[in-house]
Amino acid sequence: MKRLLFSAAFVAAVGLGTVAALSQAADPYANNAAAGTMKFPLAAPAGVDSKAIEKAPAGAVNQGKFDDKTWKYGPAFNAPPGAKIWNPVKLKMMQGGKVTGGTVFAATDPSTYCAMANAGYDFIWTEHQHSAHDWEQTSRMWAQCPHAKAVPGVRVAYTDEREIQHALDLGALVLVVPTIRSYEEAVQARNWAFFPPLGRRSSGGGPAASADFWGTVPGGYRNTINDNLVLILMIETLDGLKDADRIAKIPGVTAIFAASGDLSNHTGYRQGDPDYERNINIVHDAAIKAGVRLCGPLAWRDRPDFTCFQGGSETAAIAAGVRQDLGNLANTQAVPEVGPYAKK
């Protein structure tokens, strides 16, 4: 009994330690300078209109009246000269290799996630669009093995600043955004995914920038993540198909995904039908013309020009692994004549 109580207390302590570590990593203000020690030589005089909207201080790059449209972005967050790609998925895509993502659909247990992440995939597609996952569960799974063979990735629920901010602050290196219905929506997805000047992502800390995840990468996380993030936009609807060429050419888009299931759902045709195949080829052509990667289901790994694939769920992977492991001993259970296991 004492041993059980000790074990329970230990697990609780580990859990609290994890929460504390995540909270510490997520606090962007933990290292603020001590109050009263900073000087502000360029601050507006107390009670005086400095007219900063009309004129800049001496030495400023952006002179004249303030204009957000012509603002020259500063060098504070430039990547170091010659900075190398540290995201293995981005590197493999740039090399032209075929990239696979295993889907974690229902599991919330970190050990299940880590087993999938070390099974041989390039990234893990943690499902948030069609599953009940919340960000606390996903954060715990990713934190268990952030440097597994497969990097953390996620399909967010929809194009939304909060969804995308949560995904990236928690450490995602592959971001999949579903049901992109227009060029304008695709630009929004890009904007929330990337830091300025390419996008409009807010800088607020989070586990991603901690030493446990990517905080120690050469050049620093903030300065290099724009070059390392993999952004995949899914084309799934008729209006998305209409804008596919423009979507694929948006700066920052790494790949577009021809959604095999929803392109059937939204068009009324099945794989093999000429109308369905035309739609898939529209996505194909857009990717080829834009020079971006082309993604689809793992079943299409031999389809021309597809180099990025979504694999099956954790339950499918377990079943497939057991079948391979057992060989001809799989599914050879005895069948009693009576009881719940008897033939119906």
C-alpha atoms as a PDB file:
ATOM      1  CA  MET A   1       0.000   0.000   0.000  1.00  0.00           C
ATOM      2  CA  LYS A   2       2.814   2.382   0.946  1.00  0.00           C
ATOM      3  CA  ARG A   3       4.524   1.583  -2.347  1.00  0.00           C
ATOM      4  CA  LEU A   4       1.341   2.402  -4.253  1.00  0.00           C
ATOM      5  CA  LEU A   5       0.962   5.675  -2.374  1.00  0.00           C
ATOM      6  CA  PHE A   6       4.603   6.548  -3.059  1.00  0.00           C
ATOM      7  CA  SER A   7       4.133   5.782  -6.766  1.00  0.00           C
ATOM      8  CA  ALA A   8       1.030   7.952  -6.930  1.00  0.00           C
ATOM      9  CA  ALA A   9       2.835  10.798  -5.155  1.00  0.00           C
ATOM     10  CA  PHE A  10       5.806  10.468  -7.500  1.00  0.00           C
ATOM     11  CA  VAL A  11       3.593  10.583 -10.607  1.00  0.00           C
ATOM     12  CA  ALA A  12       1.796  13.624  -9.208  1.00  0.00           C
ATOM     13  CA  ALA A  13       5.104  15.352  -8.504  1.00  0.00           C
ATOM     14  CA  VAL A  14       6.360  14.627 -12.019  1.00  0.00           C
ATOM     15  CA  GLY A  15       3.116  15.960 -13.417  1.00  0.00           C
ATOM     16  CA  LEU A  16       3.392  19.157 -11.388  1.00  0.00           C
ATOM     17  CA  GLY A  17       7.012  19.481 -12.450  1.00  0.00           C
ATOM     18  CA  THR A  18       5.983  19.208 -16.083  1.00  0.00           C
ATOM     19  CA  VAL A  19       3.334  21.885 -15.616  1.00  0.00           C
ATOM     20  CA  ALA A  20       5.846  24.128 -13.864  1.00  0.00           C
ATOM     21  CA  ALA A  21       8.408  23.619 -16.618  1.00  0.00           C
ATOM     22  CA  LEU A  22       5.855  24.374 -19.328  1.00  0.00           C
ATOM     23  CA  SER A  23       4.625  27.426 -17.448  1.00  0.00           C
ATOM     24  CA  GLN A  24       8.174  28.715 -17.043  1.00  0.00           C
ATOM     25  CA  ALA A  25       8.929  28.173 -20.711  1.00  0.00           C
ATOM     26  CA  ALA A  26       5.689  29.891 -21.718  1.00  0.00           C
ATOM     27  CA  ASP A  27       6.361  33.076 -19.695  1.00  0.00           C
ATOM     28  CA  PRO A  28       7.846  35.705 -22.031  1.00  0.00           C
ATOM     29  CA  TYR A  29       8.323  38.149 -19.157  1.00  0.00           C
ATOM     30  CA  ALA A  30      10.313  35.918 -16.793  1.00  0.00           C
ATOM     31  CA  ASN A  31      13.606  37.647 -17.620  1.00  0.00           C
ATOM     32  CA  ASN A  32      12.475  41.276 -17.764  1.00  0.00           C
ATOM     33  CA  ALA A  33      15.057  43.766 -16.528  1.00  0.00           C
ATOM     34  CA  ALA A  34      14.685  44.888 -12.919  1.00  0.00           C
ATOM     35  CA  ALA A  35      12.444  47.930 -12.561  1.00  0.00           C
ATOM     36  CA  GLY A  36      14.294  51.201 -12.009  1.00  0.00           C
ATOM     37  CA  THR A  37      17.497  50.146 -13.758  1.00  0.00           C
ATOM     38  CA  MET A  38      16.699  51.128 -17.358  1.00  0.00           C
ATOM     39  CA  LYS A  39      17.331  54.469 -19.063  1.00  0.00           C
ATOM     40  CA  PHE A  40      15.115  55.956 -21.813  1.00  0.00           C
ATOM     41  CA  PRO A  41      17.080  58.664 -23.646  1.00  0.00           C
ATOM     42  CA  LEU A  42      14.664  58.785 -26.610  1.00  0.00           C
ATOM     43  CA  ALA A  43      11.439  58.719 -24.574  1.00  0.00           C
ATOM     44  CA  ALA A  44       8.892  61.493 -25.113  1.00  0.00           C
ATOM     45  CA  PRO A  45       9.211  64.180 -22.425  1.00  0.00           C
ATOM     46  CA  ALA A  46       6.653  63.851 -19.653  1.00  0.00           C
ATOM     47  CA  GLY A  47       3.380  65.505 -20.579  1.00  0.00           C
ATOM     48  CA  VAL A  48       4.646  66.675 -23.993  1.00  0.00           C
ATOM     49  CA  ASP A  49       3.350  65.685 -27.442  1.00  0.00           C
ATOM     50  CA  SER A  50       6.519  64.468 -29.169  1.00  0.00           C
ATOM     51  CA  LYS A  51       4.803  64.553 -32.579  1.00  0.00           C
ATOM     52  CA  ALA A  52       6.374  61.131 -33.319  1.00  0.00           C
ATOM     53  CA  ILE A  53       3.612  60.378 -35.837  1.00  0.00           C
ATOM     54  CA  GLU A  54       4.922  63.293 -37.938  1.00  0.00           C
ATOM     55  CA  LYS A  55       8.698  63.058 -37.541  1.00  0.00           C
ATOM     56  CA  ALA A  56      11.336  60.502 -36.537  1.00  0.00           C
ATOM     57  CA  PRO A  57      14.229  60.914 -34.093  1.00  0.00           C
ATOM     58  CA  ALA A  58      17.621  61.726 -35.555  1.00  0.00           C
ATOM     59  CA  GLY A  59      19.306  58.624 -36.902  1.00  0.00           C
ATOM     60  CA  ALA A  60      16.088  56.662 -37.515  1.00  0.00           C
ATOM     61  CA  VAL A  61      15.896  54.690 -40.772  1.00  0.00           C
ATOM     62  CA  ASN A  62      12.216  55.492 -41.279  1.00  0.00           C
ATOM     63  CA  GLN A  63      12.053  59.263 -41.673  1.00  0.00           C
ATOM     64  CA  GLY A  64       9.115  61.522 -42.465  1.00  0.00           C
ATOM     65  CA  LYS A  65       5.505  60.909 -41.463  1.00  0.00           C
ATOM     66  CA  PHE A  66       4.824  57.438 -40.075  1.00  0.00           C
ATOM     67  CA  ASP A  67       3.508  55.113 -42.800  1.00  0.00           C
ATOM     68  CA  ASP A  68       3.003  51.415 -42.145  1.00  0.00           C
ATOM     69  CA  LYS A  69       2.864  50.731 -45.902  1.00  0.00           C
ATOM     70  CA  THR A  70       6.400  51.965 -46.568  1.00  0.00           C
ATOM     71  CA  TRP A  71       8.025  50.928 -43.280  1.00  0.00           C
ATOM     72  CA  LYS A  72      11.561  49.577 -43.720  1.00  0.00           C
ATOM     73  CA  TYR A  73      11.883  46.514 -41.472  1.00  0.00           C
ATOM     74  CA  GLY A  74      14.973  46.503 -39.268  1.00  0.00           C
ATOM     75  CA  PRO A  75      17.774  43.917 -38.998  1.00  0.00           C
ATOM     76  CA  ALA A  76      17.223  42.947 -35.335  1.00  0.00           C
ATOM     77  CA  PHE A  77      15.908  39.471 -36.196  1.00  0.00           C
ATOM     78  CA  ASN A  78      17.895  38.643 -39.320  1.00  0.00           C
ATOM     79  CA  ALA A  79      19.165  35.087 -39.465  1.00  0.00           C
ATOM     80  CA  PRO A  80      22.977  34.916 -39.240  1.00  0.00           C
ATOM     81  CA  PRO A  81      24.727  34.881 -42.626  1.00  0.00           C
ATOM     82  CA  GLY A  82      24.971  31.337 -43.939  1.00  0.00           C
ATOM     83  CA  ALA A  83      22.527  29.962 -41.330  1.00  0.00           C
ATOM     84  CA  LYS A  84      21.805  26.304 -42.052  1.00  0.00           C
ATOM     85  CA  ILE A  85      18.392  24.600 -42.005  1.00  0.00           C
ATOM     86  CA  TRP A  86      17.901  22.671 -38.766  1.00  0.00           C
ATOM     87  CA  ASN A  87      14.367  21.284 -39.361  1.00  0.00           C
ATOM     88  CA  PRO A  88      14.937  17.842 -40.948  1.00  0.00           C
ATOM     89  CA  VAL A  89      11.536  17.915 -42.689  1.00  0.00           C
ATOM     90  CA  LYS A  90      12.247  21.246 -44.367  1.00  0.00           C
ATOM     91  CA  LEU A  91      15.715  20.019 -45.315  1.00  0.00           C
ATOM     92  CA  LYS A  92      14.382  16.797 -46.829  1.00  0.00           C
ATOM     93  CA  MET A  93      11.777  18.720 -48.818  1.00  0.00           C
ATOM     94  CA  MET A  94      14.426  21.093 -50.134  1.00  0.00           C
ATOM     95  CA  GLN A  95      16.482  18.071 -51.181  1.00  0.00           C
ATOM     96  CA  GLY A  96      13.493  16.675 -53.108  1.00  0.00           C
ATOM     97  CA  GLY A  97      12.972  13.673 -50.830  1.00  0.00           C
ATOM     98  CA  LYS A  98       9.628  12.086 -50.027  1.00  0.00           C
ATOM     99  CA  VAL A  99       8.296  13.119 -46.619  1.00  0.00           C
ATOM    100  CA  THR A 100       5.847  11.102 -44.504  1.00  0.00           C
ATOM    101  CA  GLY A 101       3.661  12.180 -41.608  1.00  0.00           C
ATOM    102  CA  GLY A 102       2.065   9.743 -39.175  1.00  0.00           C
ATOM    103  CA  THR A 103      -1.330  10.777 -37.812  1.00  0.00           C
ATOM    104  CA  VAL A 104      -2.018  10.918 -34.075  1.00  0.00           C
ATOM    105  CA  PHE A 105      -5.794  11.143 -34.154  1.00  0.00           C
ATOM    106  CA  ALA A 106      -7.252  10.108 -30.795  1.00  0.00           C
ATOM    107  CA  ALA A 107      -4.360   9.333 -28.447  1.00  0.00           C
ATOM    108  CA  THR A 108      -3.570  11.783 -25.655  1.00  0.00           C
ATOM    109  CA  ASP A 109      -1.043   9.585 -23.854  1.00  0.00           C
ATOM    110  CA  PRO A 110       2.520  10.891 -24.327  1.00  0.00           C
ATOM    111  CA  SER A 111       3.959   7.366 -24.543  1.00  0.00           C
ATOM    112  CA  THR A 112       1.700   6.549 -27.502  1.00  0.00           C
ATOM    113  CA  TYR A 113       2.674   9.790 -29.188  1.00  0.00           C
ATOM    114  CA  CYS A 114       6.370   9.109 -28.635  1.00  0.00           C
ATOM    115  CA  ALA A 115       6.042   5.567 -30.004  1.00  0.00           C
ATOM    116  CA  MET A 116       4.558   7.025 -33.196  1.00  0.00           C
ATOM    117  CA  ALA A 117       7.198   9.774 -33.292  1.00  0.00           C
ATOM    118  CA  ASN A 118      10.005   7.203 -33.160  1.00  0.00           C
ATOM    119  CA  ALA A 119       8.405   4.698 -35.545  1.00  0.00           C
ATOM    120  CA  GLY A 120      10.033   6.038 -38.719  1.00  0.00           C
ATOM    121  CA  TYR A 121       7.903   8.972 -39.921  1.00  0.00           C
ATOM    122  CA  ASP A 122       9.428  12.344 -40.764  1.00  0.00           C
ATOM    123  CA  PHE A 123       6.821  14.299 -38.786  1.00  0.00           C
ATOM    124  CA  ILE A 124       3.738  13.634 -36.699  1.00  0.00           C
ATOM    125  CA  TRP A 125       0.436  15.053 -37.894  1.00  0.00           C
ATOM    126  CA  THR A 126      -1.331  15.717 -34.575  1.00  0.00           C
ATOM    127  CA  GLU A 127      -4.988  16.052 -35.510  1.00  0.00           C
ATOM    128  CA  HIS A 128      -6.944  19.064 -34.259  1.00  0.00           C
ATOM    129  CA  GLN A 129      -9.493  19.491 -37.063  1.00  0.00           C
ATOM    130  CA  HIS A 130     -11.506  16.307 -36.634  1.00  0.00           C
ATOM    131  CA  SER A 131     -10.459  15.116 -33.179  1.00  0.00           C
ATOM    132  CA  ALA A 132     -11.169  16.166 -29.600  1.00  0.00           C
ATOM    133  CA  HIS A 133      -7.543  17.116 -28.915  1.00  0.00           C
ATOM    134  CA  ASP A 134      -7.000  20.305 -26.963  1.00  0.00           C
ATOM    135  CA  TRP A 135      -3.762  22.252 -26.771  1.00  0.00           C
ATOM    136  CA  GLU A 136      -2.970  21.170 -23.211  1.00  0.00           C
ATOM    137  CA  GLN A 137      -3.046  17.510 -24.276  1.00  0.00           C
ATOM    138  CA  THR A 138      -0.972  18.186 -27.371  1.00  0.00           C
ATOM    139  CA  SER A 139       1.546  20.197 -25.371  1.00  0.00           C
ATOM    140  CA  ARG A 140       2.066  17.316 -22.939  1.00  0.00           C
ATOM    141  CA  MET A 141       2.577  14.828 -25.772  1.00  0.00           C
ATOM    142  CA  TRP A 142       5.100  16.984 -27.604  1.00  0.00           C
ATOM    143  CA  ALA A 143       6.973  17.834 -24.407  1.00  0.00           C
ATOM    144  CA  GLN A 144       7.555  14.143 -23.653  1.00  0.00           C
ATOM    145  CA  CYS A 145       9.855  13.649 -26.666  1.00  0.00           C
ATOM    146  CA  PRO A 146      10.411  16.946 -28.529  1.00  0.00           C
ATOM    147  CA  HIS A 147      13.504  15.599 -30.294  1.00  0.00           C
ATOM    148  CA  ALA A 148      12.050  12.273 -31.441  1.00  0.00           C
ATOM    149  CA  LYS A 149      12.870  11.097 -34.972  1.00  0.00           C
ATOM    150  CA  ALA A 150       9.655  12.688 -36.257  1.00  0.00           C
ATOM    151  CA  VAL A 151       9.312  16.412 -35.594  1.00  0.00           C
ATOM    152  CA  PRO A 152       6.063  17.700 -34.040  1.00  0.00           C
ATOM    153  CA  GLY A 153       3.450  18.796 -36.543  1.00  0.00           C
ATOM    154  CA  VAL A 154      -0.256  19.557 -36.415  1.00  0.00           C
ATOM    155  CA  ARG A 155      -3.331  20.072 -38.534  1.00  0.00           C
ATOM    156  CA  VAL A 156      -5.104  22.988 -36.892  1.00  0.00           C
ATOM    157  CA  ALA A 157      -8.900  23.241 -36.920  1.00  0.00           C
ATOM    158  CA  TYR A 158      -9.100  26.166 -39.351  1.00  0.00           C
ATOM    159  CA  THR A 159      -7.395  29.394 -40.421  1.00  0.00           C
ATOM    160  CA  ASP A 160      -7.279  31.281 -37.151  1.00  0.00           C
ATOM    161  CA  GLU A 161      -4.623  33.343 -35.389  1.00  0.00           C
ATOM    162  CA  ARG A 162      -5.242  31.711 -32.007  1.00  0.00           C
ATOM    163  CA  GLU A 163      -5.091  28.168 -33.393  1.00  0.00           C
ATOM    164  CA  ILE A 164      -1.916  28.800 -35.345  1.00  0.00           C
ATOM    165  CA  GLN A 165      -0.283  30.770 -32.505  1.00  0.00           C
ATOM    166  CA  HIS A 166      -0.928  27.910 -30.065  1.00  0.00           C
ATOM    167  CA  ALA A 167       0.485  25.341 -32.481  1.00  0.00           C
ATOM    168  CA  LEU A 168       3.703  27.224 -33.146  1.00  0.00           C
ATOM    169  CA  ASP A 169       4.321  28.495 -29.614  1.00  0.00           C
ATOM    170  CA  LEU A 170       4.026  24.895 -28.393  1.00  0.00           C
ATOM    171  CA  GLY A 171       6.736  23.756 -30.825  1.00  0.00           C
ATOM    172  CA  ALA A 172       5.190  22.693 -34.150  1.00  0.00           C
ATOM    173  CA  LEU A 173       7.655  22.609 -37.038  1.00  0.00           C
ATOM    174  CA  VAL A 174       5.081  21.401 -39.578  1.00  0.00           C
ATOM    175  CA  LEU A 175       1.827  23.364 -39.789  1.00  0.00           C
ATOM    176  CA  VAL A 176      -1.062  21.995 -41.847  1.00  0.00           C
ATOM    177  CA  VAL A 177      -3.995  24.355 -42.438  1.00  0.00           C
ATOM    178  CA  PRO A 178      -7.169  22.710 -43.829  1.00  0.00           C
ATOM    179  CA  THR A 179      -9.976  23.842 -46.161  1.00  0.00           C
ATOM    180  CA  ILE A 180      -8.248  26.869 -47.683  1.00  0.00           C
ATOM    181  CA  ARG A 181     -11.122  28.345 -49.690  1.00  0.00           C
ATOM    182  CA  SER A 182      -9.517  31.427 -51.231  1.00  0.00           C
ATOM    183  CA  TYR A 183      -6.280  33.248 -51.942  1.00  0.00           C
ATOM    184  CA  GLU A 184      -7.164  35.745 -49.202  1.00  0.00           C
ATOM    185  CA  GLU A 185      -7.604  32.975 -46.608  1.00  0.00           C
ATOM    186  CA  ALA A 186      -4.287  31.453 -47.653  1.00  0.00           C
ATOM    187  CA  VAL A 187      -2.544  34.800 -47.109  1.00  0.00           C
ATOM    188  CA  GLN A 188      -4.094  34.950 -43.634  1.00  0.00           C
ATOM    189  CA  ALA A 189      -2.778  31.482 -42.816  1.00  0.00           C
ATOM    190  CA  ARG A 190       0.687  32.503 -43.975  1.00  0.00           C
ATOM    191  CA  ASN A 191       0.530  35.731 -41.991  1.00  0.00           C
ATOM    192  CA  TRP A 192      -0.314  33.996 -38.687  1.00  0.00           C
ATOM    193  CA  ALA A 193       2.367  31.348 -39.289  1.00  0.00           C
ATOM    194  CA  PHE A 194       5.425  33.552 -39.881  1.00  0.00           C
ATOM    195  CA  PHE A 195       7.113  36.278 -37.897  1.00  0.00           C
ATOM    196  CA  PRO A 196       7.580  39.702 -39.552  1.00  0.00           C
ATOM    197  CA  PRO A 197       8.549  40.776 -42.081  1.00  0.00           C
ATOM    198  CA  LEU A 198       7.111  37.764 -43.963  1.00  0.00           C
ATOM    199  CA  GLY A 199       4.045  37.428 -41.732  1.00  0.00           C
ATOM    200  CA  ARG A 200       2.362  38.859 -38.654  1.00  0.00           C
ATOM    201  CA  ARG A 201       2.970  36.225 -35.997  1.00  0.00           C
ATOM    202  CA  SER A 202       3.140  37.601 -32.468  1.00  0.00           C
ATOM    203  CA  SER A 203       6.269  36.953 -30.410  1.00  0.00           C
ATOM    204  CA  GLY A 204       5.208  35.711 -26.983  1.00  0.00           C
ATOM    205  CA  GLY A 205       7.542  32.972 -25.851  1.00  0.00           C
ATOM    206  CA  GLY A 206       6.295  29.440 -25.298  1.00  0.00           C
ATOM    207  CA  PRO A 207       7.907  25.994 -25.159  1.00  0.00           C
ATOM    208  CA  ALA A 208       9.057  26.318 -28.792  1.00  0.00           C
ATOM    209  CA  ALA A 209      11.635  28.922 -27.801  1.00  0.00           C
ATOM    210  CA  SER A 210      12.814  27.016 -24.727  1.00  0.00           C
ATOM    211  CA  ALA A 211      15.981  24.937 -24.522  1.00  0.00           C
ATOM    212  CA  ASP A 212      13.863  21.767 -24.350  1.00  0.00           C
ATOM    213  CA  PHE A 213      12.612  22.404 -27.889  1.00  0.00           C
ATOM    214  CA  TRP A 214      14.339  24.800 -30.316  1.00  0.00           C
ATOM    215  CA  GLY A 215      15.797  27.508 -28.100  1.00  0.00           C
ATOM    216  CA  THR A 216      19.395  26.394 -28.636  1.00  0.00           C
ATOM    217  CA  VAL A 217      19.370  26.059 -32.436  1.00  0.00           C
ATOM    218  CA  PRO A 218      22.194  27.905 -34.221  1.00  0.00           C
ATOM    219  CA  GLY A 219      21.111  31.493 -34.823  1.00  0.00           C
ATOM    220  CA  GLY A 220      18.268  31.330 -32.301  1.00  0.00           C
ATOM    221  CA  TYR A 221      14.632  30.312 -32.695  1.00  0.00           C
ATOM    222  CA  ARG A 222      13.156  33.751 -33.454  1.00  0.00           C
ATOM    223  CA  ASN A 223      15.754  34.547 -36.075  1.00  0.00           C
ATOM    224  CA  THR A 224      15.654  31.210 -37.932  1.00  0.00           C
ATOM    225  CA  ILE A 225      12.159  29.719 -37.592  1.00  0.00           C
ATOM    226  CA  ASN A 226      10.814  31.524 -40.668  1.00  0.00           C
ATOM    227  CA  ASP A 227      13.340  29.589 -42.760  1.00  0.00           C
ATOM    228  CA  ASN A 228      12.633  26.293 -40.997  1.00  0.00           C
ATOM    229  CA  LEU A 229       8.842  26.186 -40.683  1.00  0.00           C
ATOM    230  CA  VAL A 230       6.995  23.879 -43.083  1.00  0.00           C
ATOM    231  CA  LEU A 231       3.606  25.372 -44.048  1.00  0.00           C
ATOM    232  CA  ILE A 232       1.200  23.032 -45.857  1.00  0.00           C
ATOM    233  CA  LEU A 233      -2.111  24.430 -47.146  1.00  0.00           C
ATOM    234  CA  MET A 234      -4.903  21.991 -47.988  1.00  0.00           C
ATOM    235  CA  ILE A 235      -6.999  22.439 -51.134  1.00  0.00           C
ATOM    236  CA  GLU A 236     -10.316  20.707 -50.441  1.00  0.00           C
ATOM    237  CA  THR A 237     -13.142  22.728 -52.022  1.00  0.00           C
ATOM    238  CA  LEU A 238     -14.265  24.076 -55.389  1.00  0.00           C
ATOM    239  CA  ASP A 239     -13.419  27.661 -54.437  1.00  0.00           C
ATOM    240  CA  GLY A 240     -10.017  26.488 -53.238  1.00  0.00           C
ATOM    241  CA  LEU A 241      -9.418  24.847 -56.608  1.00  0.00           C
ATOM    242  CA  LYS A 242     -10.330  28.100 -58.343  1.00  0.00           C
ATOM    243  CA  ASP A 243      -7.526  29.927 -56.521  1.00  0.00           C
ATOM    244  CA  ALA A 244      -5.031  27.036 -56.405  1.00  0.00           C
ATOM    245  CA  ASP A 245      -2.494  28.698 -58.721  1.00  0.00           C
ATOM    246  CA  ARG A 246      -2.403  31.905 -56.654  1.00  0.00           C
ATOM    247  CA  ILE A 247      -2.364  30.026 -53.331  1.00  0.00           C
ATOM    248  CA  ALA A 248       0.659  27.944 -54.310  1.00  0.00           C
ATOM    249  CA  LYS A 249       2.657  31.052 -55.219  1.00  0.00           C
ATOM    250  CA  ILE A 250       2.243  32.835 -51.874  1.00  0.00           C
ATOM    251  CA  PRO A 251       5.705  33.411 -50.326  1.00  0.00           C
ATOM    252  CA  GLY A 252       6.166  31.110 -47.335  1.00  0.00           C
ATOM    253  CA  VAL A 253       3.999  28.244 -48.600  1.00  0.00           C
ATOM    254  CA  THR A 254       6.081  25.069 -48.568  1.00  0.00           C
ATOM    255  CA  ALA A 255       3.508  22.676 -50.014  1.00  0.00           C
ATOM    256  CA  ILE A 256      -0.101  22.339 -51.050  1.00  0.00           C
ATOM    257  CA  PHE A 257      -2.120  19.247 -50.206  1.00  0.00           C
ATOM    258  CA  ALA A 258      -4.641  17.679 -52.578  1.00  0.00           C
ATOM    259  CA  ALA A 259      -7.229  16.535 -50.025  1.00  0.00           C
ATOM    260  CA  SER A 260      -8.309  13.158 -51.347  1.00  0.00           C
ATOM    261  CA  GLY A 261     -11.389  12.757 -49.124  1.00  0.00           C
ATOM    262  CA  ASP A 262     -12.812  16.265 -49.062  1.00  0.00           C
ATOM    263  CA  LEU A 263     -12.228  16.901 -52.760  1.00  0.00           C
ATOM    264  CA  SER A 264     -14.605  13.980 -53.208  1.00  0.00           C
ATOM    265  CA  ASN A 265     -16.961  15.291 -50.522  1.00  0.00           C
ATOM    266  CA  HIS A 266     -17.112  18.799 -51.986  1.00  0.00           C
ATOM    267  CA  THR A 267     -17.292  17.833 -55.665  1.00  0.00           C
ATOM    268  CA  GLY A 268     -19.479  14.728 -55.714  1.00  0.00           C
ATOM    269  CA  TYR A 269     -17.026  12.415 -57.493  1.00  0.00           C
ATOM    270  CA  ARG A 270     -14.801   9.561 -56.309  1.00  0.00           C
ATOM    271  CA  GLN A 271     -11.197   8.692 -57.044  1.00  0.00           C
ATOM    272  CA  GLY A 272     -10.926   7.373 -60.602  1.00  0.00           C
ATOM    273  CA  ASP A 273     -13.808   9.457 -61.941  1.00  0.00           C
ATOM    274  CA  PRO A 274     -12.611  11.869 -64.645  1.00  0.00           C
ATOM    275  CA  ASP A 275     -14.052  14.881 -62.798  1.00  0.00           C
ATOM    276  CA  TYR A 276     -12.292  13.883 -59.564  1.00  0.00           C
ATOM    277  CA  GLU A 277      -8.977  13.280 -61.284  1.00  0.00           C
ATOM    278  CA  ARG A 278      -9.271  16.652 -62.989  1.00  0.00           C
ATOM    279  CA  ASN A 279      -9.532  18.325 -59.580  1.00  0.00           C
ATOM    280  CA  ILE A 280      -6.473  16.517 -58.241  1.00  0.00           C
ATOM    281  CA  ASN A 281      -4.567  17.511 -61.366  1.00  0.00           C
ATOM    282  CA  ILE A 282      -5.515  21.170 -60.815  1.00  0.00           C
ATOM    283  CA  VAL A 283      -3.725  21.025 -57.443  1.00  0.00           C
ATOM    284  CA  HIS A 284      -0.845  19.117 -59.055  1.00  0.00           C
ATOM    285  CA  ASP A 285      -0.425  21.733 -61.773  1.00  0.00           C
ATOM    286  CA  ALA A 286      -0.520  24.603 -59.279  1.00  0.00           C
ATOM    287  CA  ALA A 287       2.290  23.034 -57.233  1.00  0.00           C
ATOM    288  CA  ILE A 288       4.438  22.329 -60.281  1.00  0.00           C
ATOM    289  CA  LYS A 289       4.056  25.865 -61.633  1.00  0.00           C
ATOM    290  CA  ALA A 290       4.842  27.433 -58.256  1.00  0.00           C
ATOM    291  CA  GLY A 291       7.766  25.117 -57.511  1.00  0.00           C
ATOM    292  CA  VAL A 292       6.354  23.961 -54.150  1.00  0.00           C
ATOM    293  CA  ARG A 293       5.950  20.441 -52.762  1.00  0.00           C
ATOM    294  CA  LEU A 294       2.807  18.412 -53.498  1.00  0.00           C
ATOM    295  CA  CYS A 295       1.140  16.436 -50.696  1.00  0.00           C
ATOM    296  CA  GLY A 296      -1.514  13.720 -50.524  1.00  0.00           C
ATOM    297  CA  PRO A 297      -2.422  10.491 -48.731  1.00  0.00           C
ATOM    298  CA  LEU A 298       0.255   7.828 -48.258  1.00  0.00           C
ATOM    299  CA  ALA A 299      -1.574   5.620 -50.769  1.00  0.00           C
ATOM    300  CA  TRP A 300      -0.442   8.078 -53.452  1.00  0.00           C
ATOM    301  CA  ARG A 301       3.271   7.717 -52.723  1.00  0.00           C
ATOM    302  CA  ASP A 302       3.857   6.477 -56.292  1.00  0.00           C
ATOM    303  CA  ARG A 303       1.642   9.091 -57.970  1.00  0.00           C
ATOM    304  CA  PRO A 304       3.746  11.394 -60.201  1.00  0.00           C
ATOM    305  CA  ASP A 305       5.215  14.486 -58.496  1.00  0.00           C
ATOM    306  CA  PHE A 306       3.733  13.764 -55.039  1.00  0.00           C
ATOM    307  CA  THR A 307       6.518  13.937 -52.439  1.00  0.00           C
ATOM    308  CA  CYS A 308       4.692  14.641 -49.172  1.00  0.00           C
ATOM    309  CA  PHE A 309       2.269  12.198 -47.553  1.00  0.00           C
ATOM    310  CA  GLN A 310      -0.088  11.759 -44.625  1.00  0.00           C
ATOM    311  CA  GLY A 311       0.084   8.287 -43.120  1.00  0.00           C
ATOM    312  CA  GLY A 312      -2.548   6.437 -41.117  1.00  0.00           C
ATOM    313  CA  SER A 313      -3.628   6.926 -37.525  1.00  0.00           C
ATOM    314  CA  GLU A 314      -2.012   5.444 -34.437  1.00  0.00           C
ATOM    315  CA  THR A 315      -4.665   2.698 -34.277  1.00  0.00           C
ATOM    316  CA  ALA A 316      -4.044   1.731 -37.896  1.00  0.00           C
ATOM    317  CA  ALA A 317      -0.275   1.715 -37.288  1.00  0.00           C
ATOM    318  CA  ILE A 318      -0.649  -0.548 -34.253  1.00  0.00           C
ATOM    319  CA  ALA A 319      -2.853  -2.972 -36.190  1.00  0.00           C
ATOM    320  CA  ALA A 320      -0.484  -3.015 -39.173  1.00  0.00           C
ATOM    321  CA  GLY A 321       2.524  -3.534 -36.927  1.00  0.00           C
ATOM    322  CA  VAL A 322       0.904  -6.430 -35.092  1.00  0.00           C
ATOM    323  CA  ARG A 323      -0.067  -8.108 -38.375  1.00  0.00           C
ATOM    324  CA  GLN A 324       3.505  -7.840 -39.608  1.00  0.00           C
ATOM    325  CA  ASP A 325       4.921  -8.997 -36.287  1.00  0.00           C
ATOM    326  CA  LEU A 326       2.641 -12.037 -35.969  1.00  0.00           C
ATOM    327  CA  GLY A 327       2.669 -13.051 -39.625  1.00  0.00           C
ATOM    328  CA  ASN A 328       0.543 -16.148 -40.170  1.00  0.00           C
ATOM    329  CA  LEU A 329      -0.289 -16.280 -36.451  1.00  0.00           C
ATOM    330  CA  ALA A 330      -2.360 -13.086 -36.676  1.00  0.00           C
ATOM    331  CA  ASN A 331      -6.119 -13.449 -36.195  1.00  0.00           C
ATOM    332  CA  THR A 332      -6.041 -17.177 -35.490  1.00  0.00           C
ATOM    333  CA  GLN A 333      -8.113 -17.014 -32.295  1.00  0.00           C
ATOM    334  CA  ALA A 334     -10.000 -20.131 -31.255  1.00  0.00           C
ATOM    335  CA  VAL A 335     -13.777 -20.016 -31.716  1.00  0.00           C
ATOM    336  CA  PRO A 336     -15.796 -21.556 -28.851  1.00  0.00           C
ATOM    337  CA  GLU A 337     -19.155 -23.136 -29.590  1.00  0.00           C
ATOM    338  CA  VAL A 338     -20.838 -21.120 -26.827  1.00  0.00           C
ATOM    339  CA  GLY A 339     -20.537 -17.712 -25.153  1.00  0.00           C
ATOM    340  CA  PRO A 340     -19.841 -14.243 -26.514  1.00  0.00           C
ATOM    341  CA  TYR A 341     -16.991 -15.462 -28.762  1.00  0.00           C
ATOM    342  CA  ALA A 342     -19.064 -18.134 -30.457  1.00  0.00           C
ATOM    343  CA  LYS A 343     -19.979 -17.708 -34.110  1.00  0.00           C
ATOM    344  CA  LYS A 344     -23.134 -15.645 -34.461  1.00  0.00           C
END
